[in-house]
Amino acid sequence: MASRTPVRLTLTLIGAACITVVHAASIADPSIINRTDYGTTMKKHPYIGMWVTKDGRIRQELLSNGRYDEARGAKKSMYQGRYEIKGSHIDYWDDTGFTADGTFVSNDELHHGGVIFYRVK
């Protein structure tokens, strides 16, 4: 713990304090609790972008700031949260506390929650 810089420790504590509040009330700036990289983004990551099911019913956008936005049918932003990619594995933390994961089978196919997503080009 002593190796952390004061700035990073402060951000971590702010995030932890906000997570407690998320379940009780809405946060004005949810990005505070969902930042995993403290300033850097994933703009150049090959998996960033829109992923959809074959029928187009579920659409999941992986944003370059480490957040995702999932739409289902006519409902936009049904699920939102943060994600982290390590190799071909992706972990999700929904803003409501739900967690999930998935696997990128190729650069154009994502398996997540028993559903197959395809990259929108």
C-alpha atoms as a PDB file:
ATOM      1  CA  MET A   1       0.000   0.000   0.000  1.00  0.00           C
ATOM      2  CA  ALA A   2       2.895   2.359   0.641  1.00  0.00           C
ATOM      3  CA  SER A   3       3.882   2.128  -3.038  1.00  0.00           C
ATOM      4  CA  ARG A   4       0.713   3.910  -4.197  1.00  0.00           C
ATOM      5  CA  THR A   5       0.973   7.564  -4.957  1.00  0.00           C
ATOM      6  CA  PRO A   6      -1.210   9.918  -2.908  1.00  0.00           C
ATOM      7  CA  VAL A   7      -3.193  10.888  -6.029  1.00  0.00           C
ATOM      8  CA  ARG A   8      -4.072   7.303  -6.891  1.00  0.00           C
ATOM      9  CA  LEU A   9      -4.949   6.513  -3.289  1.00  0.00           C
ATOM     10  CA  THR A  10      -7.226   9.555  -3.166  1.00  0.00           C
ATOM     11  CA  LEU A  11      -9.022   8.485  -6.347  1.00  0.00           C
ATOM     12  CA  THR A  12      -9.396   4.954  -5.033  1.00  0.00           C
ATOM     13  CA  LEU A  13     -10.933   6.214  -1.803  1.00  0.00           C
ATOM     14  CA  ILE A  14     -13.301   8.519  -3.684  1.00  0.00           C
ATOM     15  CA  GLY A  15     -14.362   5.586  -5.845  1.00  0.00           C
ATOM     16  CA  ALA A  16     -14.931   3.347  -2.852  1.00  0.00           C
ATOM     17  CA  ALA A  17     -16.994   6.025  -1.116  1.00  0.00           C
ATOM     18  CA  CYS A  18     -19.137   6.528  -4.214  1.00  0.00           C
ATOM     19  CA  ILE A  19     -19.765   2.815  -4.728  1.00  0.00           C
ATOM     20  CA  THR A  20     -21.466   2.690  -1.347  1.00  0.00           C
ATOM     21  CA  VAL A  21     -23.750   5.523  -2.412  1.00  0.00           C
ATOM     22  CA  VAL A  22     -24.636   4.032  -5.821  1.00  0.00           C
ATOM     23  CA  HIS A  23     -27.030   1.525  -4.340  1.00  0.00           C
ATOM     24  CA  ALA A  24     -28.811   4.155  -2.284  1.00  0.00           C
ATOM     25  CA  ALA A  25     -28.925   7.128  -4.647  1.00  0.00           C
ATOM     26  CA  SER A  26     -28.030   8.387  -8.097  1.00  0.00           C
ATOM     27  CA  ILE A  27     -24.559   9.823  -8.617  1.00  0.00           C
ATOM     28  CA  ALA A  28     -24.181  12.966 -10.694  1.00  0.00           C
ATOM     29  CA  ASP A  29     -20.953  11.735 -12.331  1.00  0.00           C
ATOM     30  CA  PRO A  30     -20.898   7.918 -12.485  1.00  0.00           C
ATOM     31  CA  SER A  31     -17.529   7.932 -14.261  1.00  0.00           C
ATOM     32  CA  ILE A  32     -15.914   8.620 -10.878  1.00  0.00           C
ATOM     33  CA  ILE A  33     -16.680   5.117  -9.658  1.00  0.00           C
ATOM     34  CA  ASN A  34     -15.991   3.325 -12.910  1.00  0.00           C
ATOM     35  CA  ARG A  35     -12.544   4.535 -13.872  1.00  0.00           C
ATOM     36  CA  THR A  36     -10.076   1.681 -13.791  1.00  0.00           C
ATOM     37  CA  ASP A  37      -7.110   3.395 -15.396  1.00  0.00           C
ATOM     38  CA  TYR A  38      -7.002   6.844 -13.750  1.00  0.00           C
ATOM     39  CA  GLY A  39      -6.512   8.928 -16.855  1.00  0.00           C
ATOM     40  CA  THR A  40      -5.517   6.693 -19.727  1.00  0.00           C
ATOM     41  CA  THR A  41      -8.080   5.392 -22.204  1.00  0.00           C
ATOM     42  CA  MET A  42      -8.418   2.376 -24.430  1.00  0.00           C
ATOM     43  CA  LYS A  43      -8.882   4.375 -27.657  1.00  0.00           C
ATOM     44  CA  LYS A  44      -6.643   2.072 -29.675  1.00  0.00           C
ATOM     45  CA  HIS A  45      -7.826  -1.286 -28.286  1.00  0.00           C
ATOM     46  CA  PRO A  46      -8.987  -3.589 -31.115  1.00  0.00           C
ATOM     47  CA  TYR A  47     -12.265  -4.545 -29.377  1.00  0.00           C
ATOM     48  CA  ILE A  48     -13.592  -0.995 -28.881  1.00  0.00           C
ATOM     49  CA  GLY A  49     -16.827  -0.335 -30.747  1.00  0.00           C
ATOM     50  CA  MET A  50     -20.334  -1.705 -31.292  1.00  0.00           C
ATOM     51  CA  TRP A  51     -21.194  -5.386 -30.938  1.00  0.00           C
ATOM     52  CA  VAL A  52     -24.650  -6.796 -31.836  1.00  0.00           C
ATOM     53  CA  THR A  53     -26.475 -10.111 -31.813  1.00  0.00           C
ATOM     54  CA  LYS A  54     -27.304 -11.678 -35.182  1.00  0.00           C
ATOM     55  CA  ASP A  55     -30.937 -10.524 -34.894  1.00  0.00           C
ATOM     56  CA  GLY A  56     -29.863  -7.015 -33.795  1.00  0.00           C
ATOM     57  CA  ARG A  57     -31.953  -7.210 -30.611  1.00  0.00           C
ATOM     58  CA  ILE A  58     -29.025  -6.724 -28.204  1.00  0.00           C
ATOM     59  CA  ARG A  59     -26.450  -4.037 -28.907  1.00  0.00           C
ATOM     60  CA  GLN A  60     -23.410  -3.500 -26.736  1.00  0.00           C
ATOM     61  CA  GLU A  61     -21.011  -0.619 -27.243  1.00  0.00           C
ATOM     62  CA  LEU A  62     -17.560  -0.850 -25.690  1.00  0.00           C
ATOM     63  CA  LEU A  63     -16.485   2.745 -25.202  1.00  0.00           C
ATOM     64  CA  SER A  64     -12.877   3.907 -25.239  1.00  0.00           C
ATOM     65  CA  ASN A  65     -13.093   5.184 -21.646  1.00  0.00           C
ATOM     66  CA  GLY A  66     -13.564   1.680 -20.189  1.00  0.00           C
ATOM     67  CA  ARG A  67     -17.358   1.955 -20.008  1.00  0.00           C
ATOM     68  CA  TYR A  68     -20.008   0.014 -21.881  1.00  0.00           C
ATOM     69  CA  ASP A  69     -23.593   0.761 -22.846  1.00  0.00           C
ATOM     70  CA  GLU A  70     -25.983  -2.078 -23.680  1.00  0.00           C
ATOM     71  CA  ALA A  71     -29.315  -1.645 -25.458  1.00  0.00           C
ATOM     72  CA  ARG A  72     -32.020  -4.292 -25.790  1.00  0.00           C
ATOM     73  CA  GLY A  73     -34.817  -3.984 -28.327  1.00  0.00           C
ATOM     74  CA  ALA A  74     -36.185  -0.435 -28.229  1.00  0.00           C
ATOM     75  CA  LYS A  75     -34.700   0.200 -24.765  1.00  0.00           C
ATOM     76  CA  LYS A  76     -31.522   2.267 -25.060  1.00  0.00           C
ATOM     77  CA  SER A  77     -28.940   2.171 -22.273  1.00  0.00           C
ATOM     78  CA  MET A  78     -30.629  -0.729 -20.515  1.00  0.00           C
ATOM     79  CA  TYR A  79     -27.343  -1.680 -18.878  1.00  0.00           C
ATOM     80  CA  GLN A  80     -24.308   0.503 -18.318  1.00  0.00           C
ATOM     81  CA  GLY A  81     -21.101  -0.006 -16.425  1.00  0.00           C
ATOM     82  CA  ARG A  82     -17.401  -0.535 -16.754  1.00  0.00           C
ATOM     83  CA  TYR A  83     -15.402  -3.275 -18.367  1.00  0.00           C
ATOM     84  CA  GLU A  84     -11.849  -4.554 -18.389  1.00  0.00           C
ATOM     85  CA  ILE A  85     -10.207  -6.606 -21.141  1.00  0.00           C
ATOM     86  CA  LYS A  86      -7.286  -8.939 -20.489  1.00  0.00           C
ATOM     87  CA  GLY A  87      -6.208 -10.848 -23.579  1.00  0.00           C
ATOM     88  CA  SER A  88      -9.374 -12.339 -25.071  1.00  0.00           C
ATOM     89  CA  HIS A  89     -11.322 -12.179 -21.759  1.00  0.00           C
ATOM     90  CA  ILE A  90     -13.684  -9.351 -20.792  1.00  0.00           C
ATOM     91  CA  ASP A  91     -15.111  -8.660 -17.326  1.00  0.00           C
ATOM     92  CA  TYR A  92     -18.151  -6.411 -16.807  1.00  0.00           C
ATOM     93  CA  TRP A  93     -19.282  -4.511 -13.697  1.00  0.00           C
ATOM     94  CA  ASP A  94     -22.761  -3.091 -14.176  1.00  0.00           C
ATOM     95  CA  ASP A  95     -23.590   0.156 -12.366  1.00  0.00           C
ATOM     96  CA  THR A  96     -26.238  -1.744 -10.374  1.00  0.00           C
ATOM     97  CA  GLY A  97     -23.653  -4.202  -9.006  1.00  0.00           C
ATOM     98  CA  PHE A  98     -24.219  -7.072 -11.462  1.00  0.00           C
ATOM     99  CA  THR A  99     -21.061  -8.739 -12.797  1.00  0.00           C
ATOM    100  CA  ALA A 100     -20.495 -10.804 -15.937  1.00  0.00           C
ATOM    101  CA  ASP A 101     -17.753 -11.881 -18.267  1.00  0.00           C
ATOM    102  CA  GLY A 102     -17.174 -12.988 -21.825  1.00  0.00           C
ATOM    103  CA  THR A 103     -14.634 -14.175 -24.368  1.00  0.00           C
ATOM    104  CA  PHE A 104     -13.592 -12.701 -27.672  1.00  0.00           C
ATOM    105  CA  VAL A 105     -13.474 -15.778 -29.924  1.00  0.00           C
ATOM    106  CA  SER A 106     -12.049 -13.658 -32.743  1.00  0.00           C
ATOM    107  CA  ASN A 107     -11.705  -9.958 -33.576  1.00  0.00           C
ATOM    108  CA  ASP A 108     -15.289 -10.099 -34.860  1.00  0.00           C
ATOM    109  CA  GLU A 109     -17.070 -12.441 -32.403  1.00  0.00           C
ATOM    110  CA  LEU A 110     -17.780 -12.031 -28.671  1.00  0.00           C
ATOM    111  CA  HIS A 111     -19.422 -14.686 -26.478  1.00  0.00           C
ATOM    112  CA  HIS A 112     -21.045 -13.126 -23.412  1.00  0.00           C
ATOM    113  CA  GLY A 113     -23.770 -14.457 -21.116  1.00  0.00           C
ATOM    114  CA  GLY A 114     -24.712 -17.298 -23.470  1.00  0.00           C
ATOM    115  CA  VAL A 115     -25.157 -14.817 -26.328  1.00  0.00           C
ATOM    116  CA  ILE A 116     -23.001 -14.374 -29.426  1.00  0.00           C
ATOM    117  CA  PHE A 117     -22.214 -10.803 -30.473  1.00  0.00           C
ATOM    118  CA  TYR A 118     -20.727  -9.722 -33.789  1.00  0.00           C
ATOM    119  CA  ARG A 119     -18.689  -6.583 -34.423  1.00  0.00           C
ATOM    120  CA  VAL A 120     -20.423  -3.823 -36.348  1.00  0.00           C
ATOM    121  CA  LYS A 121     -18.082  -2.594 -39.063  1.00  0.00           C
END
